[in-house]
Every structure is written in structure tokens, then in C-alpha cells.
Amino acid sequence: MFSGGALGIVAWRRTSAGRTPYWNVGAQLRPSRGRGIGTAAQRLLVDYLFAHSPVVRLEADTETGNVAEQRSLEKAGCRSSV
């Protein structure tokens, strides 16, 4: 367990495909695998963005081998397009 301080950050930026805006989201966390921190943080961010903005799509990019992040995003409600 950590003894205080931030566990990491989640970030988002508005982008668009033509005239359709959407959010690109990402996270960077301190090492803490298996605790669900990334999933919880990203789920809160996804819920917040859909509740407080007019966009209907989110996007997140991960490294091909970053299976933990991909699983975290899936648990937060995202699905793979690959």
C-alpha cells in the first residue's frame, strides 16, 4: 500500500474525426498491479466524460504488449477495435 501522494493521473483531450468530436483518454499510474486502481480511475473518467459532455465516443491507445492496460480499459466499459 502507498503511504500517501498521488497514485497517478488520468487525462483526456478532445479530438475529432471530421465534424464528429470525441475524447481520447489515457492513464499513467504508479506500479500497483492487481489492485483495480487503473480500472476504477478510468471508469470514473469515462462516466464523468459521458455525463458532462455531448460526445458519444471515447478512444484510448495502448502499446500492443500492454495487456494490463487493455484489460483495465475493457473493465471500464471500452471495447477493442482491433
PDB file of N, CA and C in Angstrom:
ATOM      1  N   MET A   1       0.836  -1.178   0.000  1.00  0.00           N
ATOM      2  CA  MET A   1       0.000   0.000   0.000  1.00  0.00           C
ATOM      3  C   MET A   1       0.881   1.242   0.000  1.00  0.00           C
ATOM      4  N   PHE A   2       0.414   2.290  -0.624  1.00  0.00           N
ATOM      5  CA  PHE A   2       1.158   3.535  -0.680  1.00  0.00           C
ATOM      6  C   PHE A   2       0.920   4.349   0.584  1.00  0.00           C
ATOM      7  N   SER A   3       1.902   5.132   0.945  1.00  0.00           N
ATOM      8  CA  SER A   3       1.784   5.927   2.175  1.00  0.00           C
ATOM      9  C   SER A   3       1.416   7.375   1.883  1.00  0.00           C
ATOM     10  N   GLY A   4       0.648   7.611   0.897  1.00  0.00           N
ATOM     11  CA  GLY A   4       0.204   8.961   0.582  1.00  0.00           C
ATOM     12  C   GLY A   4       0.684   9.410  -0.777  1.00  0.00           C
ATOM     13  N   GLY A   5       0.163  10.524  -1.202  1.00  0.00           N
ATOM     14  CA  GLY A   5       0.533  11.058  -2.505  1.00  0.00           C
ATOM     15  C   GLY A   5      -0.335  10.484  -3.606  1.00  0.00           C
ATOM     16  N   ALA A   6      -0.146  11.020  -4.782  1.00  0.00           N
ATOM     17  CA  ALA A   6      -0.934  10.605  -5.941  1.00  0.00           C
ATOM     18  C   ALA A   6      -0.529   9.211  -6.402  1.00  0.00           C
ATOM     19  N   LEU A   7      -1.503   8.454  -6.852  1.00  0.00           N
ATOM     20  CA  LEU A   7      -1.239   7.135  -7.413  1.00  0.00           C
ATOM     21  C   LEU A   7      -1.002   7.209  -8.911  1.00  0.00           C
ATOM     22  N   GLY A   8      -1.316   8.347  -9.504  1.00  0.00           N
ATOM     23  CA  GLY A   8      -1.128   8.520 -10.933  1.00  0.00           C
ATOM     24  C   GLY A   8      -2.053   9.595 -11.456  1.00  0.00           C
ATOM     25  N   ILE A   9      -2.207   9.611 -12.773  1.00  0.00           N
ATOM     26  CA  ILE A   9      -3.088  10.592 -13.403  1.00  0.00           C
ATOM     27  C   ILE A   9      -3.922   9.928 -14.484  1.00  0.00           C
ATOM     28  N   VAL A  10      -5.080  10.478 -14.736  1.00  0.00           N
ATOM     29  CA  VAL A  10      -5.854  10.172 -15.931  1.00  0.00           C
ATOM     30  C   VAL A  10      -5.990  11.486 -16.682  1.00  0.00           C
ATOM     31  N   ALA A  11      -6.012  11.405 -17.974  1.00  0.00           N
ATOM     32  CA  ALA A  11      -6.079  12.618 -18.788  1.00  0.00           C
ATOM     33  C   ALA A  11      -6.975  12.371 -19.989  1.00  0.00           C
ATOM     34  N   TRP A  12      -7.465  13.445 -20.551  1.00  0.00           N
ATOM     35  CA  TRP A  12      -8.297  13.359 -21.731  1.00  0.00           C
ATOM     36  C   TRP A  12      -8.091  14.594 -22.577  1.00  0.00           C
ATOM     37  N   ARG A  13      -8.340  14.404 -23.851  1.00  0.00           N
ATOM     38  CA  ARG A  13      -8.287  15.547 -24.767  1.00  0.00           C
ATOM     39  C   ARG A  13      -9.370  15.358 -25.813  1.00  0.00           C
ATOM     40  N   ARG A  14      -9.941  16.463 -26.199  1.00  0.00           N
ATOM     41  CA  ARG A  14     -10.990  16.433 -27.222  1.00  0.00           C
ATOM     42  C   ARG A  14     -10.333  16.386 -28.587  1.00  0.00           C
ATOM     43  N   THR A  15     -10.825  15.544 -29.426  1.00  0.00           N
ATOM     44  CA  THR A  15     -10.340  15.436 -30.802  1.00  0.00           C
ATOM     45  C   THR A  15     -11.548  15.199 -31.698  1.00  0.00           C
ATOM     46  N   SER A  16     -11.344  15.021 -32.976  1.00  0.00           N
ATOM     47  CA  SER A  16     -12.491  14.794 -33.853  1.00  0.00           C
ATOM     48  C   SER A  16     -12.080  14.015 -35.089  1.00  0.00           C
ATOM     49  N   ALA A  17     -13.082  13.377 -35.651  1.00  0.00           N
ATOM     50  CA  ALA A  17     -12.958  12.699 -36.937  1.00  0.00           C
ATOM     51  C   ALA A  17     -13.933  13.422 -37.854  1.00  0.00           C
ATOM     52  N   GLY A  18     -13.418  14.336 -38.637  1.00  0.00           N
ATOM     53  CA  GLY A  18     -14.308  15.182 -39.426  1.00  0.00           C
ATOM     54  C   GLY A  18     -15.028  16.142 -38.514  1.00  0.00           C
ATOM     55  N   ARG A  19     -16.349  16.101 -38.530  1.00  0.00           N
ATOM     56  CA  ARG A  19     -17.131  17.003 -37.678  1.00  0.00           C
ATOM     57  C   ARG A  19     -17.608  16.335 -36.397  1.00  0.00           C
ATOM     58  N   THR A  20     -17.245  15.085 -36.185  1.00  0.00           N
ATOM     59  CA  THR A  20     -17.707  14.356 -35.016  1.00  0.00           C
ATOM     60  C   THR A  20     -16.661  14.404 -33.903  1.00  0.00           C
ATOM     61  N   PRO A  21     -16.929  15.120 -32.814  1.00  0.00           N
ATOM     62  CA  PRO A  21     -15.951  15.198 -31.721  1.00  0.00           C
ATOM     63  C   PRO A  21     -15.990  13.942 -30.847  1.00  0.00           C
ATOM     64  N   TYR A  22     -14.864  13.621 -30.267  1.00  0.00           N
ATOM     65  CA  TYR A  22     -14.794  12.542 -29.293  1.00  0.00           C
ATOM     66  C   TYR A  22     -13.616  12.797 -28.360  1.00  0.00           C
ATOM     67  N   TRP A  23     -13.527  12.020 -27.292  1.00  0.00           N
ATOM     68  CA  TRP A  23     -12.457  12.151 -26.314  1.00  0.00           C
ATOM     69  C   TRP A  23     -11.420  11.060 -26.513  1.00  0.00           C
ATOM     70  N   ASN A  24     -10.158  11.433 -26.386  1.00  0.00           N
ATOM     71  CA  ASN A  24      -9.058  10.471 -26.317  1.00  0.00           C
ATOM     72  C   ASN A  24      -8.605  10.468 -24.861  1.00  0.00           C
ATOM     73  N   VAL A  25      -8.614   9.303 -24.224  1.00  0.00           N
ATOM     74  CA  VAL A  25      -8.305   9.206 -22.802  1.00  0.00           C
ATOM     75  C   VAL A  25      -7.039   8.383 -22.579  1.00  0.00           C
ATOM     76  N   GLY A  26      -6.411   8.614 -21.444  1.00  0.00           N
ATOM     77  CA  GLY A  26      -5.220   7.855 -21.092  1.00  0.00           C
ATOM     78  C   GLY A  26      -4.976   7.904 -19.593  1.00  0.00           C
ATOM     79  N   ALA A  27      -4.113   7.003 -19.129  1.00  0.00           N
ATOM     80  CA  ALA A  27      -3.784   6.938 -17.706  1.00  0.00           C
ATOM     81  C   ALA A  27      -2.311   6.602 -17.551  1.00  0.00           C
ATOM     82  N   GLN A  28      -1.743   7.118 -16.503  1.00  0.00           N
ATOM     83  CA  GLN A  28      -0.383   6.757 -16.129  1.00  0.00           C
ATOM     84  C   GLN A  28      -0.378   6.616 -14.614  1.00  0.00           C
ATOM     85  N   LEU A  29      -0.111   5.399 -14.148  1.00  0.00           N
ATOM     86  CA  LEU A  29      -0.199   5.104 -12.727  1.00  0.00           C
ATOM     87  C   LEU A  29       1.120   4.596 -12.177  1.00  0.00           C
ATOM     88  N   ARG A  30       1.302   4.806 -10.886  1.00  0.00           N
ATOM     89  CA  ARG A  30       2.442   4.195 -10.208  1.00  0.00           C
ATOM     90  C   ARG A  30       2.234   2.685 -10.223  1.00  0.00           C
ATOM     91  N   PRO A  31       3.295   1.911 -10.159  1.00  0.00           N
ATOM     92  CA  PRO A  31       3.140   0.447 -10.157  1.00  0.00           C
ATOM     93  C   PRO A  31       2.242  -0.009  -9.000  1.00  0.00           C
ATOM     94  N   SER A  32       1.173  -0.694  -9.346  1.00  0.00           N
ATOM     95  CA  SER A  32       0.235  -1.198  -8.339  1.00  0.00           C
ATOM     96  C   SER A  32      -0.633  -2.282  -8.944  1.00  0.00           C
ATOM     97  N   ARG A  33      -0.069  -3.142  -9.709  1.00  0.00           N
ATOM     98  CA  ARG A  33      -0.841  -4.137 -10.457  1.00  0.00           C
ATOM     99  C   ARG A  33      -1.726  -4.990  -9.565  1.00  0.00           C
ATOM    100  N   GLY A  34      -2.899  -5.296 -10.114  1.00  0.00           N
ATOM    101  CA  GLY A  34      -3.806  -6.202  -9.453  1.00  0.00           C
ATOM    102  C   GLY A  34      -4.672  -5.585  -8.371  1.00  0.00           C
ATOM    103  N   ARG A  35      -4.610  -4.291  -8.204  1.00  0.00           N
ATOM    104  CA  ARG A  35      -5.407  -3.649  -7.151  1.00  0.00           C
ATOM    105  C   ARG A  35      -6.666  -2.980  -7.693  1.00  0.00           C
ATOM    106  N   GLY A  36      -6.818  -2.905  -9.002  1.00  0.00           N
ATOM    107  CA  GLY A  36      -8.007  -2.304  -9.591  1.00  0.00           C
ATOM    108  C   GLY A  36      -8.004  -0.791  -9.625  1.00  0.00           C
ATOM    109  N   ILE A  37      -6.872  -0.176  -9.300  1.00  0.00           N
ATOM    110  CA  ILE A  37      -6.807   1.282  -9.257  1.00  0.00           C
ATOM    111  C   ILE A  37      -6.991   1.882 -10.647  1.00  0.00           C
ATOM    112  N   GLY A  38      -6.314   1.328 -11.641  1.00  0.00           N
ATOM    113  CA  GLY A  38      -6.438   1.833 -13.012  1.00  0.00           C
ATOM    114  C   GLY A  38      -7.846   1.684 -13.543  1.00  0.00           C
ATOM    115  N   THR A  39      -8.440   0.541 -13.298  1.00  0.00           N
ATOM    116  CA  THR A  39      -9.807   0.313 -13.752  1.00  0.00           C
ATOM    117  C   THR A  39     -10.770   1.303 -13.100  1.00  0.00           C
ATOM    118  N   ALA A  40     -10.644   1.481 -11.791  1.00  0.00           N
ATOM    119  CA  ALA A  40     -11.537   2.408 -11.080  1.00  0.00           C
ATOM    120  C   ALA A  40     -11.361   3.835 -11.584  1.00  0.00           C
ATOM    121  N   ALA A  41     -10.120   4.261 -11.761  1.00  0.00           N
ATOM    122  CA  ALA A  41      -9.859   5.628 -12.226  1.00  0.00           C
ATOM    123  C   ALA A  41     -10.419   5.845 -13.624  1.00  0.00           C
ATOM    124  N   GLN A  42     -10.211   4.889 -14.508  1.00  0.00           N
ATOM    125  CA  GLN A  42     -10.695   5.046 -15.878  1.00  0.00           C
ATOM    126  C   GLN A  42     -12.212   4.936 -15.949  1.00  0.00           C
ATOM    127  N   ARG A  43     -12.810   4.095 -15.119  1.00  0.00           N
ATOM    128  CA  ARG A  43     -14.271   4.004 -15.090  1.00  0.00           C
ATOM    129  C   ARG A  43     -14.871   5.335 -14.632  1.00  0.00           C
ATOM    130  N   LEU A  44     -14.289   5.958 -13.610  1.00  0.00           N
ATOM    131  CA  LEU A  44     -14.765   7.265 -13.158  1.00  0.00           C
ATOM    132  C   LEU A  44     -14.620   8.317 -14.252  1.00  0.00           C
ATOM    133  N   LEU A  45     -13.496   8.299 -14.950  1.00  0.00           N
ATOM    134  CA  LEU A  45     -13.275   9.264 -16.026  1.00  0.00           C
ATOM    135  C   LEU A  45     -14.287   9.059 -17.158  1.00  0.00           C
ATOM    136  N   VAL A  46     -14.488   7.826 -17.578  1.00  0.00           N
ATOM    137  CA  VAL A  46     -15.445   7.532 -18.652  1.00  0.00           C
ATOM    138  C   VAL A  46     -16.844   7.995 -18.245  1.00  0.00           C
ATOM    139  N   ASP A  47     -17.261   7.644 -17.044  1.00  0.00           N
ATOM    140  CA  ASP A  47     -18.591   8.066 -16.573  1.00  0.00           C
ATOM    141  C   ASP A  47     -18.710   9.591 -16.549  1.00  0.00           C
ATOM    142  N   TYR A  48     -17.676  10.262 -16.062  1.00  0.00           N
ATOM    143  CA  TYR A  48     -17.689  11.725 -15.988  1.00  0.00           C
ATOM    144  C   TYR A  48     -17.810  12.350 -17.379  1.00  0.00           C
ATOM    145  N   LEU A  49     -16.997  11.884 -18.313  1.00  0.00           N
ATOM    146  CA  LEU A  49     -16.999  12.487 -19.653  1.00  0.00           C
ATOM    147  C   LEU A  49     -18.338  12.290 -20.359  1.00  0.00           C
ATOM    148  N   PHE A  50     -18.929  11.102 -20.234  1.00  0.00           N
ATOM    149  CA  PHE A  50     -20.226  10.883 -20.871  1.00  0.00           C
ATOM    150  C   PHE A  50     -21.330  11.692 -20.183  1.00  0.00           C
ATOM    151  N   ALA A  51     -21.224  11.893 -18.888  1.00  0.00           N
ATOM    152  CA  ALA A  51     -22.255  12.633 -18.157  1.00  0.00           C
ATOM    153  C   ALA A  51     -22.168  14.144 -18.369  1.00  0.00           C
ATOM    154  N   HIS A  52     -20.967  14.659 -18.653  1.00  0.00           N
ATOM    155  CA  HIS A  52     -20.778  16.102 -18.679  1.00  0.00           C
ATOM    156  C   HIS A  52     -20.312  16.665 -20.018  1.00  0.00           C
ATOM    157  N   SER A  53     -20.455  15.884 -21.076  1.00  0.00           N
ATOM    158  CA  SER A  53     -20.096  16.403 -22.399  1.00  0.00           C
ATOM    159  C   SER A  53     -21.017  15.774 -23.439  1.00  0.00           C
ATOM    160  N   PRO A  54     -21.140  16.413 -24.587  1.00  0.00           N
ATOM    161  CA  PRO A  54     -22.066  15.912 -25.604  1.00  0.00           C
ATOM    162  C   PRO A  54     -21.495  14.803 -26.486  1.00  0.00           C
ATOM    163  N   VAL A  55     -20.257  14.374 -26.271  1.00  0.00           N
ATOM    164  CA  VAL A  55     -19.675  13.364 -27.152  1.00  0.00           C
ATOM    165  C   VAL A  55     -20.289  11.992 -26.896  1.00  0.00           C
ATOM    166  N   VAL A  56     -20.252  11.150 -27.906  1.00  0.00           N
ATOM    167  CA  VAL A  56     -20.816   9.804 -27.805  1.00  0.00           C
ATOM    168  C   VAL A  56     -19.762   8.723 -28.034  1.00  0.00           C
ATOM    169  N   ARG A  57     -18.498   9.120 -28.058  1.00  0.00           N
ATOM    170  CA  ARG A  57     -17.423   8.162 -28.330  1.00  0.00           C
ATOM    171  C   ARG A  57     -16.185   8.542 -27.539  1.00  0.00           C
ATOM    172  N   LEU A  58     -15.494   7.516 -27.040  1.00  0.00           N
ATOM    173  CA  LEU A  58     -14.196   7.679 -26.410  1.00  0.00           C
ATOM    174  C   LEU A  58     -13.198   6.819 -27.156  1.00  0.00           C
ATOM    175  N   GLU A  59     -11.936   7.196 -27.069  1.00  0.00           N
ATOM    176  CA  GLU A  59     -10.873   6.430 -27.709  1.00  0.00           C
ATOM    177  C   GLU A  59      -9.689   6.383 -26.758  1.00  0.00           C
ATOM    178  N   ALA A  60      -9.005   5.250 -26.717  1.00  0.00           N
ATOM    179  CA  ALA A  60      -7.781   5.114 -25.928  1.00  0.00           C
ATOM    180  C   ALA A  60      -6.799   4.281 -26.738  1.00  0.00           C
ATOM    181  N   ASP A  61      -5.548   4.664 -26.683  1.00  0.00           N
ATOM    182  CA  ASP A  61      -4.496   3.923 -27.383  1.00  0.00           C
ATOM    183  C   ASP A  61      -3.592   3.273 -26.345  1.00  0.00           C
ATOM    184  N   THR A  62      -3.169   2.048 -26.630  1.00  0.00           N
ATOM    185  CA  THR A  62      -2.218   1.371 -25.752  1.00  0.00           C
ATOM    186  C   THR A  62      -1.114   0.750 -26.597  1.00  0.00           C
ATOM    187  N   GLU A  63      -0.007   0.461 -25.951  1.00  0.00           N
ATOM    188  CA  GLU A  63       1.036  -0.309 -26.612  1.00  0.00           C
ATOM    189  C   GLU A  63       0.497  -1.723 -26.839  1.00  0.00           C
ATOM    190  N   THR A  64       0.936  -2.364 -27.901  1.00  0.00           N
ATOM    191  CA  THR A  64       0.452  -3.694 -28.244  1.00  0.00           C
ATOM    192  C   THR A  64       0.617  -4.683 -27.089  1.00  0.00           C
ATOM    193  N   GLY A  65       1.732  -4.636 -26.402  1.00  0.00           N
ATOM    194  CA  GLY A  65       2.001  -5.585 -25.334  1.00  0.00           C
ATOM    195  C   GLY A  65       1.474  -5.189 -23.967  1.00  0.00           C
ATOM    196  N   ASN A  66       0.772  -4.071 -23.852  1.00  0.00           N
ATOM    197  CA  ASN A  66       0.295  -3.610 -22.551  1.00  0.00           C
ATOM    198  C   ASN A  66      -1.070  -4.227 -22.247  1.00  0.00           C
ATOM    199  N   VAL A  67      -1.044  -5.520 -21.976  1.00  0.00           N
ATOM    200  CA  VAL A  67      -2.272  -6.277 -21.752  1.00  0.00           C
ATOM    201  C   VAL A  67      -3.003  -5.786 -20.500  1.00  0.00           C
ATOM    202  N   ALA A  68      -2.264  -5.407 -19.461  1.00  0.00           N
ATOM    203  CA  ALA A  68      -2.907  -4.923 -18.234  1.00  0.00           C
ATOM    204  C   ALA A  68      -3.759  -3.686 -18.509  1.00  0.00           C
ATOM    205  N   GLU A  69      -3.236  -2.751 -19.284  1.00  0.00           N
ATOM    206  CA  GLU A  69      -3.992  -1.541 -19.618  1.00  0.00           C
ATOM    207  C   GLU A  69      -5.186  -1.871 -20.500  1.00  0.00           C
ATOM    208  N   GLN A  70      -5.008  -2.781 -21.432  1.00  0.00           N
ATOM    209  CA  GLN A  70      -6.110  -3.168 -22.302  1.00  0.00           C
ATOM    210  C   GLN A  70      -7.238  -3.811 -21.497  1.00  0.00           C
ATOM    211  N   ARG A  71      -6.902  -4.662 -20.546  1.00  0.00           N
ATOM    212  CA  ARG A  71      -7.909  -5.285 -19.690  1.00  0.00           C
ATOM    213  C   ARG A  71      -8.586  -4.243 -18.803  1.00  0.00           C
ATOM    214  N   SER A  72      -7.809  -3.300 -18.305  1.00  0.00           N
ATOM    215  CA  SER A  72      -8.362  -2.236 -17.471  1.00  0.00           C
ATOM    216  C   SER A  72      -9.392  -1.425 -18.253  1.00  0.00           C
ATOM    217  N   LEU A  73      -9.056  -1.079 -19.482  1.00  0.00           N
ATOM    218  CA  LEU A  73      -9.996  -0.333 -20.321  1.00  0.00           C
ATOM    219  C   LEU A  73     -11.250  -1.126 -20.610  1.00  0.00           C
ATOM    220  N   GLU A  74     -11.121  -2.424 -20.866  1.00  0.00           N
ATOM    221  CA  GLU A  74     -12.271  -3.268 -21.099  1.00  0.00           C
ATOM    222  C   GLU A  74     -13.173  -3.312 -19.869  1.00  0.00           C
ATOM    223  N   LYS A  75     -12.571  -3.429 -18.690  1.00  0.00           N
ATOM    224  CA  LYS A  75     -13.354  -3.436 -17.451  1.00  0.00           C
ATOM    225  C   LYS A  75     -14.051  -2.102 -17.204  1.00  0.00           C
ATOM    226  N   ALA A  76     -13.475  -1.027 -17.752  1.00  0.00           N
ATOM    227  CA  ALA A  76     -14.075   0.308 -17.610  1.00  0.00           C
ATOM    228  C   ALA A  76     -15.160   0.552 -18.655  1.00  0.00           C
ATOM    229  N   GLY A  77     -15.422  -0.438 -19.521  1.00  0.00           N
ATOM    230  CA  GLY A  77     -16.507  -0.328 -20.489  1.00  0.00           C
ATOM    231  C   GLY A  77     -16.079  -0.127 -21.915  1.00  0.00           C
ATOM    232  N   CYS A  78     -14.785  -0.086 -22.180  1.00  0.00           N
ATOM    233  CA  CYS A  78     -14.307   0.088 -23.554  1.00  0.00           C
ATOM    234  C   CYS A  78     -14.231  -1.268 -24.247  1.00  0.00           C
ATOM    235  N   ARG A  79     -14.182  -1.227 -25.561  1.00  0.00           N
ATOM    236  CA  ARG A  79     -14.005  -2.465 -26.315  1.00  0.00           C
ATOM    237  C   ARG A  79     -12.945  -2.253 -27.372  1.00  0.00           C
ATOM    238  N   SER A  80     -12.298  -3.308 -27.730  1.00  0.00           N
ATOM    239  CA  SER A  80     -11.204  -3.243 -28.693  1.00  0.00           C
ATOM    240  C   SER A  80     -11.744  -3.127 -30.104  1.00  0.00           C
ATOM    241  N   SER A  81     -11.058  -2.332 -30.912  1.00  0.00           N
ATOM    242  CA  SER A  81     -11.456  -2.214 -32.321  1.00  0.00           C
ATOM    243  C   SER A  81     -10.485  -2.958 -33.222  1.00  0.00           C
ATOM    244  N   VAL A  82      -9.551  -3.661 -32.626  1.00  0.00           N
ATOM    245  CA  VAL A  82      -8.552  -4.405 -33.415  1.00  0.00           C
ATOM    246  C   VAL A  82      -8.967  -5.830 -33.551  1.00  0.00           C
TER     247      VAL A  82
END
